[in-house]
Amino acid sequence: MKTVFSGQQEGERVLYKIKSHPFHRWFKLGRVAILSILIVVLFGVMSSVTSWLMLMGLLVGASFFFIGWWGLMTMDRNSESYITDRRVVRFVAQNPWTVNQRSLSWDEVVKAKTKSSGLFWRLLGTGAVVVHARSTIIPAEGQKSEQIITNDDIEFDHVIYYQDLGNYLDKVLYLFKHSKKELADLRKFVAKPTGKRY
């Protein structure tokens, strides 16, 4: 099945659609559930003063959970990232109604770096991939060294097989700058263990 996204250029080939680890979504939903429970408990404590507050707490807690769940799922569905043979594209949902798009062409990419998001995520083989723009390397006025991440860079968090994807991006970058013909024949990235990808 061919991957298509909004604003895709004619003839632009998608090499990989980046997906966050499913646990990341469940952690966010878990926080909403905990806050909902805390709201109910808070109203339950206050219900000793007035009995109708317990019912109010249940309604507010349930409303908070369902609205939060809907908002997170909508934002998760609208936040997508793509690696193509021409650029890196990221759609970020700021809220359920607004989606911002950022893209960085391979001409402007200097390097790709990976970093761990912590021990738990590292054990799951999940981390962050940062695509550095050329402007990152140029220090800002009064700055002595390059920044770690700037507004021009694109960072993908909680990426499955993040180290392998970082190596793949290095390969795409090299082929884009040295051999467009080989880039046209490059296989798409498959998020599976080494040896089971093709």
C-alpha atoms as a PDB file:
ATOM      1  CA  MET A   1       0.000   0.000   0.000  1.00  0.00           C
ATOM      2  CA  LYS A   2       1.398   3.388  -1.024  1.00  0.00           C
ATOM      3  CA  THR A   3       1.893   5.922   1.793  1.00  0.00           C
ATOM      4  CA  VAL A   4       0.474   9.378   1.029  1.00  0.00           C
ATOM      5  CA  PHE A   5       0.543  12.490   3.193  1.00  0.00           C
ATOM      6  CA  SER A   6      -0.704  16.064   2.899  1.00  0.00           C
ATOM      7  CA  GLY A   7       1.642  18.246   0.825  1.00  0.00           C
ATOM      8  CA  GLN A   8       3.487  15.311  -0.714  1.00  0.00           C
ATOM      9  CA  GLN A   9       5.313  16.367  -3.866  1.00  0.00           C
ATOM     10  CA  GLU A  10       4.803  14.644  -7.190  1.00  0.00           C
ATOM     11  CA  GLY A  11       7.178  11.711  -7.512  1.00  0.00           C
ATOM     12  CA  GLU A  12       8.289  11.977  -3.874  1.00  0.00           C
ATOM     13  CA  ARG A  13       8.843   8.494  -2.464  1.00  0.00           C
ATOM     14  CA  VAL A  14       8.132   7.758   1.206  1.00  0.00           C
ATOM     15  CA  LEU A  15      10.931   5.654   2.686  1.00  0.00           C
ATOM     16  CA  TYR A  16       9.461   5.331   6.171  1.00  0.00           C
ATOM     17  CA  LYS A  17       6.555   6.575   8.269  1.00  0.00           C
ATOM     18  CA  ILE A  18       7.914   7.092  11.791  1.00  0.00           C
ATOM     19  CA  LYS A  19       5.799   5.661  14.570  1.00  0.00           C
ATOM     20  CA  SER A  20       6.101   6.269  18.308  1.00  0.00           C
ATOM     21  CA  HIS A  21       6.163   3.291  20.641  1.00  0.00           C
ATOM     22  CA  PRO A  22       2.568   2.353  21.661  1.00  0.00           C
ATOM     23  CA  PHE A  23       3.568   2.490  25.352  1.00  0.00           C
ATOM     24  CA  HIS A  24       4.137   6.233  24.979  1.00  0.00           C
ATOM     25  CA  ARG A  25       0.461   6.736  24.104  1.00  0.00           C
ATOM     26  CA  TRP A  26      -0.637   4.530  27.015  1.00  0.00           C
ATOM     27  CA  PHE A  27       1.547   6.506  29.445  1.00  0.00           C
ATOM     28  CA  LYS A  28      -0.158   9.721  28.349  1.00  0.00           C
ATOM     29  CA  LEU A  29      -3.602   8.143  28.714  1.00  0.00           C
ATOM     30  CA  GLY A  30      -2.558   6.798  32.121  1.00  0.00           C
ATOM     31  CA  ARG A  31      -1.757  10.329  33.309  1.00  0.00           C
ATOM     32  CA  VAL A  32      -5.218  11.504  32.206  1.00  0.00           C
ATOM     33  CA  ALA A  33      -6.817   8.558  34.069  1.00  0.00           C
ATOM     34  CA  ILE A  34      -4.837   9.319  37.260  1.00  0.00           C
ATOM     35  CA  LEU A  35      -5.840  12.995  37.142  1.00  0.00           C
ATOM     36  CA  SER A  36      -9.486  11.968  36.632  1.00  0.00           C
ATOM     37  CA  ILE A  37      -9.305   9.675  39.663  1.00  0.00           C
ATOM     38  CA  LEU A  38      -7.715  12.456  41.735  1.00  0.00           C
ATOM     39  CA  ILE A  39     -10.568  14.793  40.784  1.00  0.00           C
ATOM     40  CA  VAL A  40     -13.132  12.208  41.918  1.00  0.00           C
ATOM     41  CA  VAL A  41     -11.218  11.609  45.190  1.00  0.00           C
ATOM     42  CA  LEU A  42     -10.954  15.357  45.845  1.00  0.00           C
ATOM     43  CA  PHE A  43     -14.685  15.826  45.348  1.00  0.00           C
ATOM     44  CA  GLY A  44     -15.277  12.707  47.487  1.00  0.00           C
ATOM     45  CA  VAL A  45     -13.344  14.263  50.374  1.00  0.00           C
ATOM     46  CA  MET A  46     -15.307  17.495  49.994  1.00  0.00           C
ATOM     47  CA  SER A  47     -18.618  15.535  49.859  1.00  0.00           C
ATOM     48  CA  SER A  48     -18.488  15.167  53.665  1.00  0.00           C
ATOM     49  CA  VAL A  49     -19.527  18.837  53.736  1.00  0.00           C
ATOM     50  CA  THR A  50     -22.198  18.611  51.026  1.00  0.00           C
ATOM     51  CA  SER A  51     -23.479  15.271  49.702  1.00  0.00           C
ATOM     52  CA  TRP A  52     -24.143  16.385  46.110  1.00  0.00           C
ATOM     53  CA  LEU A  53     -20.397  17.065  45.607  1.00  0.00           C
ATOM     54  CA  MET A  54     -19.694  13.333  45.158  1.00  0.00           C
ATOM     55  CA  LEU A  55     -22.025  13.160  42.162  1.00  0.00           C
ATOM     56  CA  MET A  56     -20.475  16.367  40.813  1.00  0.00           C
ATOM     57  CA  GLY A  57     -16.996  14.835  41.257  1.00  0.00           C
ATOM     58  CA  LEU A  58     -17.978  11.714  39.312  1.00  0.00           C
ATOM     59  CA  LEU A  59     -19.374  13.833  36.468  1.00  0.00           C
ATOM     60  CA  VAL A  60     -16.329  16.162  36.350  1.00  0.00           C
ATOM     61  CA  GLY A  61     -13.854  13.254  36.617  1.00  0.00           C
ATOM     62  CA  ALA A  62     -15.595  11.229  33.884  1.00  0.00           C
ATOM     63  CA  SER A  63     -15.866  14.303  31.634  1.00  0.00           C
ATOM     64  CA  PHE A  64     -12.188  15.118  32.152  1.00  0.00           C
ATOM     65  CA  PHE A  65     -11.203  11.523  31.292  1.00  0.00           C
ATOM     66  CA  PHE A  66     -13.304  11.267  28.106  1.00  0.00           C
ATOM     67  CA  ILE A  67     -12.378  14.724  26.822  1.00  0.00           C
ATOM     68  CA  GLY A  68      -8.692  14.074  27.622  1.00  0.00           C
ATOM     69  CA  TRP A  69      -8.828  10.636  25.980  1.00  0.00           C
ATOM     70  CA  TRP A  70     -10.497  12.061  22.846  1.00  0.00           C
ATOM     71  CA  GLY A  71      -8.004  14.958  22.663  1.00  0.00           C
ATOM     72  CA  LEU A  72      -4.920  12.733  23.084  1.00  0.00           C
ATOM     73  CA  MET A  73      -6.131  10.162  20.539  1.00  0.00           C
ATOM     74  CA  THR A  74      -6.996  12.893  18.015  1.00  0.00           C
ATOM     75  CA  MET A  75      -3.612  14.595  18.466  1.00  0.00           C
ATOM     76  CA  ASP A  76      -1.810  11.240  18.246  1.00  0.00           C
ATOM     77  CA  ARG A  77      -3.638  10.374  15.016  1.00  0.00           C
ATOM     78  CA  ASN A  78      -2.821  13.790  13.486  1.00  0.00           C
ATOM     79  CA  SER A  79       0.866  13.796  14.530  1.00  0.00           C
ATOM     80  CA  GLU A  80       2.800  11.974  11.809  1.00  0.00           C
ATOM     81  CA  SER A  81       6.382  11.963  10.574  1.00  0.00           C
ATOM     82  CA  TYR A  82       7.801  10.825   7.253  1.00  0.00           C
ATOM     83  CA  ILE A  83      11.207  10.161   5.763  1.00  0.00           C
ATOM     84  CA  THR A  84      11.187  10.605   1.988  1.00  0.00           C
ATOM     85  CA  ASP A  85      13.823  10.588  -0.722  1.00  0.00           C
ATOM     86  CA  ARG A  86      13.676  14.416  -0.742  1.00  0.00           C
ATOM     87  CA  ARG A  87      13.114  15.547   2.841  1.00  0.00           C
ATOM     88  CA  VAL A  88      12.069  14.847   6.413  1.00  0.00           C
ATOM     89  CA  VAL A  89       8.479  15.897   7.186  1.00  0.00           C
ATOM     90  CA  ARG A  90       6.829  16.182  10.581  1.00  0.00           C
ATOM     91  CA  PHE A  91       3.203  17.009  11.394  1.00  0.00           C
ATOM     92  CA  VAL A  92       2.712  18.042  15.031  1.00  0.00           C
ATOM     93  CA  ALA A  93      -0.775  18.464  16.522  1.00  0.00           C
ATOM     94  CA  GLN A  94      -0.658  21.359  18.987  1.00  0.00           C
ATOM     95  CA  ASN A  95      -4.247  20.616  19.984  1.00  0.00           C
ATOM     96  CA  PRO A  96      -7.088  18.526  18.459  1.00  0.00           C
ATOM     97  CA  TRP A  97      -7.839  21.266  15.891  1.00  0.00           C
ATOM     98  CA  THR A  98      -4.397  22.635  14.906  1.00  0.00           C
ATOM     99  CA  VAL A  99      -1.651  20.704  13.117  1.00  0.00           C
ATOM    100  CA  ASN A 100       1.688  22.357  12.284  1.00  0.00           C
ATOM    101  CA  GLN A 101       3.933  21.029   9.527  1.00  0.00           C
ATOM    102  CA  ARG A 102       7.721  21.228   9.483  1.00  0.00           C
ATOM    103  CA  SER A 103       9.987  19.869   6.802  1.00  0.00           C
ATOM    104  CA  LEU A 104      13.702  19.825   6.178  1.00  0.00           C
ATOM    105  CA  SER A 105      15.094  18.991   2.744  1.00  0.00           C
ATOM    106  CA  TRP A 106      18.133  16.729   2.516  1.00  0.00           C
ATOM    107  CA  ASP A 107      20.055  19.705   1.062  1.00  0.00           C
ATOM    108  CA  GLU A 108      19.749  21.419   4.455  1.00  0.00           C
ATOM    109  CA  VAL A 109      20.483  18.344   6.596  1.00  0.00           C
ATOM    110  CA  VAL A 110      24.001  18.053   8.024  1.00  0.00           C
ATOM    111  CA  LYS A 111      23.697  14.947  10.182  1.00  0.00           C
ATOM    112  CA  ALA A 112      21.360  12.696  12.136  1.00  0.00           C
ATOM    113  CA  LYS A 113      21.939  11.803  15.780  1.00  0.00           C
ATOM    114  CA  THR A 114      20.264   9.379  18.130  1.00  0.00           C
ATOM    115  CA  LYS A 115      19.857   9.568  21.878  1.00  0.00           C
ATOM    116  CA  SER A 116      18.310   7.444  24.568  1.00  0.00           C
ATOM    117  CA  SER A 117      15.178   8.674  26.320  1.00  0.00           C
ATOM    118  CA  GLY A 118      16.023   6.866  29.578  1.00  0.00           C
ATOM    119  CA  LEU A 119      16.723   3.347  30.821  1.00  0.00           C
ATOM    120  CA  PHE A 120      13.132   2.065  30.513  1.00  0.00           C
ATOM    121  CA  TRP A 121      12.780   3.256  26.914  1.00  0.00           C
ATOM    122  CA  ARG A 122      16.280   2.042  26.039  1.00  0.00           C
ATOM    123  CA  LEU A 123      15.329  -1.467  27.227  1.00  0.00           C
ATOM    124  CA  LEU A 124      12.381  -1.279  24.816  1.00  0.00           C
ATOM    125  CA  GLY A 125      14.751  -0.244  21.991  1.00  0.00           C
ATOM    126  CA  THR A 126      13.131   3.180  21.871  1.00  0.00           C
ATOM    127  CA  GLY A 127      14.787   6.589  21.752  1.00  0.00           C
ATOM    128  CA  ALA A 128      14.977   9.920  19.963  1.00  0.00           C
ATOM    129  CA  VAL A 129      16.305  10.721  16.505  1.00  0.00           C
ATOM    130  CA  VAL A 130      17.415  14.291  15.799  1.00  0.00           C
ATOM    131  CA  VAL A 131      17.895  15.532  12.240  1.00  0.00           C
ATOM    132  CA  HIS A 132      20.268  18.518  12.413  1.00  0.00           C
ATOM    133  CA  ALA A 133      19.877  21.400   9.991  1.00  0.00           C
ATOM    134  CA  ARG A 134      22.835  23.252   8.483  1.00  0.00           C
ATOM    135  CA  SER A 135      21.964  26.344  10.574  1.00  0.00           C
ATOM    136  CA  THR A 136      22.586  24.325  13.764  1.00  0.00           C
ATOM    137  CA  ILE A 137      26.307  24.242  13.027  1.00  0.00           C
ATOM    138  CA  ILE A 138      26.558  28.035  12.721  1.00  0.00           C
ATOM    139  CA  PRO A 139      26.822  29.492  16.259  1.00  0.00           C
ATOM    140  CA  ALA A 140      24.429  32.326  17.036  1.00  0.00           C
ATOM    141  CA  GLU A 141      25.879  35.751  17.811  1.00  0.00           C
ATOM    142  CA  GLY A 142      27.638  35.639  21.177  1.00  0.00           C
ATOM    143  CA  GLN A 143      27.493  31.851  21.282  1.00  0.00           C
ATOM    144  CA  LYS A 144      30.782  29.959  21.580  1.00  0.00           C
ATOM    145  CA  SER A 145      29.690  26.528  20.345  1.00  0.00           C
ATOM    146  CA  GLU A 146      26.863  24.895  18.462  1.00  0.00           C
ATOM    147  CA  GLN A 147      23.625  24.228  20.291  1.00  0.00           C
ATOM    148  CA  ILE A 148      22.495  20.670  20.955  1.00  0.00           C
ATOM    149  CA  ILE A 149      19.065  21.161  19.346  1.00  0.00           C
ATOM    150  CA  THR A 150      17.777  24.313  17.669  1.00  0.00           C
ATOM    151  CA  ASN A 151      14.403  25.355  16.263  1.00  0.00           C
ATOM    152  CA  ASP A 152      15.604  24.422  12.774  1.00  0.00           C
ATOM    153  CA  ASP A 153      16.255  20.801  13.773  1.00  0.00           C
ATOM    154  CA  ILE A 154      13.571  18.127  13.708  1.00  0.00           C
ATOM    155  CA  GLU A 155      13.398  15.718  16.626  1.00  0.00           C
ATOM    156  CA  PHE A 156      11.401  12.484  16.708  1.00  0.00           C
ATOM    157  CA  ASP A 157      10.743  11.095  20.194  1.00  0.00           C
ATOM    158  CA  HIS A 158       9.991   7.529  21.338  1.00  0.00           C
ATOM    159  CA  VAL A 159      11.035   6.023  17.989  1.00  0.00           C
ATOM    160  CA  ILE A 160      11.130   2.238  17.719  1.00  0.00           C
ATOM    161  CA  TYR A 161      14.543   0.948  16.490  1.00  0.00           C
ATOM    162  CA  TYR A 162      15.866   4.497  16.819  1.00  0.00           C
ATOM    163  CA  GLN A 163      19.556   3.568  16.382  1.00  0.00           C
ATOM    164  CA  ASP A 164      18.857   1.606  13.197  1.00  0.00           C
ATOM    165  CA  LEU A 165      16.740   4.468  11.882  1.00  0.00           C
ATOM    166  CA  GLY A 166      19.582   6.912  12.652  1.00  0.00           C
ATOM    167  CA  ASN A 167      21.978   4.753  10.620  1.00  0.00           C
ATOM    168  CA  TYR A 168      19.417   4.562   7.811  1.00  0.00           C
ATOM    169  CA  LEU A 169      19.087   8.376   7.776  1.00  0.00           C
ATOM    170  CA  ASP A 170      22.880   8.690   7.549  1.00  0.00           C
ATOM    171  CA  LYS A 171      22.773   6.384   4.537  1.00  0.00           C
ATOM    172  CA  VAL A 172      19.954   8.395   2.898  1.00  0.00           C
ATOM    173  CA  LEU A 173      21.877  11.626   3.502  1.00  0.00           C
ATOM    174  CA  TYR A 174      25.071  10.177   1.994  1.00  0.00           C
ATOM    175  CA  LEU A 175      23.253   8.824  -1.081  1.00  0.00           C
ATOM    176  CA  PHE A 176      21.360  12.103  -1.576  1.00  0.00           C
ATOM    177  CA  LYS A 177      24.648  14.012  -1.694  1.00  0.00           C
ATOM    178  CA  HIS A 178      26.716  11.459  -3.652  1.00  0.00           C
ATOM    179  CA  SER A 179      24.525   9.059  -5.653  1.00  0.00           C
ATOM    180  CA  LYS A 180      20.931   9.967  -6.527  1.00  0.00           C
ATOM    181  CA  LYS A 181      20.687   6.840  -8.675  1.00  0.00           C
ATOM    182  CA  GLU A 182      21.389   4.552  -5.719  1.00  0.00           C
ATOM    183  CA  LEU A 183      18.952   6.584  -3.606  1.00  0.00           C
ATOM    184  CA  ALA A 184      16.209   5.890  -6.159  1.00  0.00           C
ATOM    185  CA  ASP A 185      16.824   2.147  -5.676  1.00  0.00           C
ATOM    186  CA  LEU A 186      17.134   2.285  -1.873  1.00  0.00           C
ATOM    187  CA  ARG A 187      14.762  -0.023  -0.021  1.00  0.00           C
ATOM    188  CA  LYS A 188      12.303   1.410   2.461  1.00  0.00           C
ATOM    189  CA  PHE A 189      13.169   1.166   6.156  1.00  0.00           C
ATOM    190  CA  VAL A 190      11.415  -1.692   7.957  1.00  0.00           C
ATOM    191  CA  ALA A 191      11.022  -1.470  11.746  1.00  0.00           C
ATOM    192  CA  LYS A 192      11.949  -5.058  12.570  1.00  0.00           C
ATOM    193  CA  PRO A 193      14.959  -6.732  14.219  1.00  0.00           C
ATOM    194  CA  THR A 194      18.140  -6.968  12.145  1.00  0.00           C
ATOM    195  CA  GLY A 195      17.988  -9.985   9.848  1.00  0.00           C
ATOM    196  CA  LYS A 196      14.167  -9.981   9.681  1.00  0.00           C
ATOM    197  CA  ARG A 197      13.632  -6.801   7.681  1.00  0.00           C
ATOM    198  CA  TYR A 198      13.420  -8.146   4.127  1.00  0.00           C
END
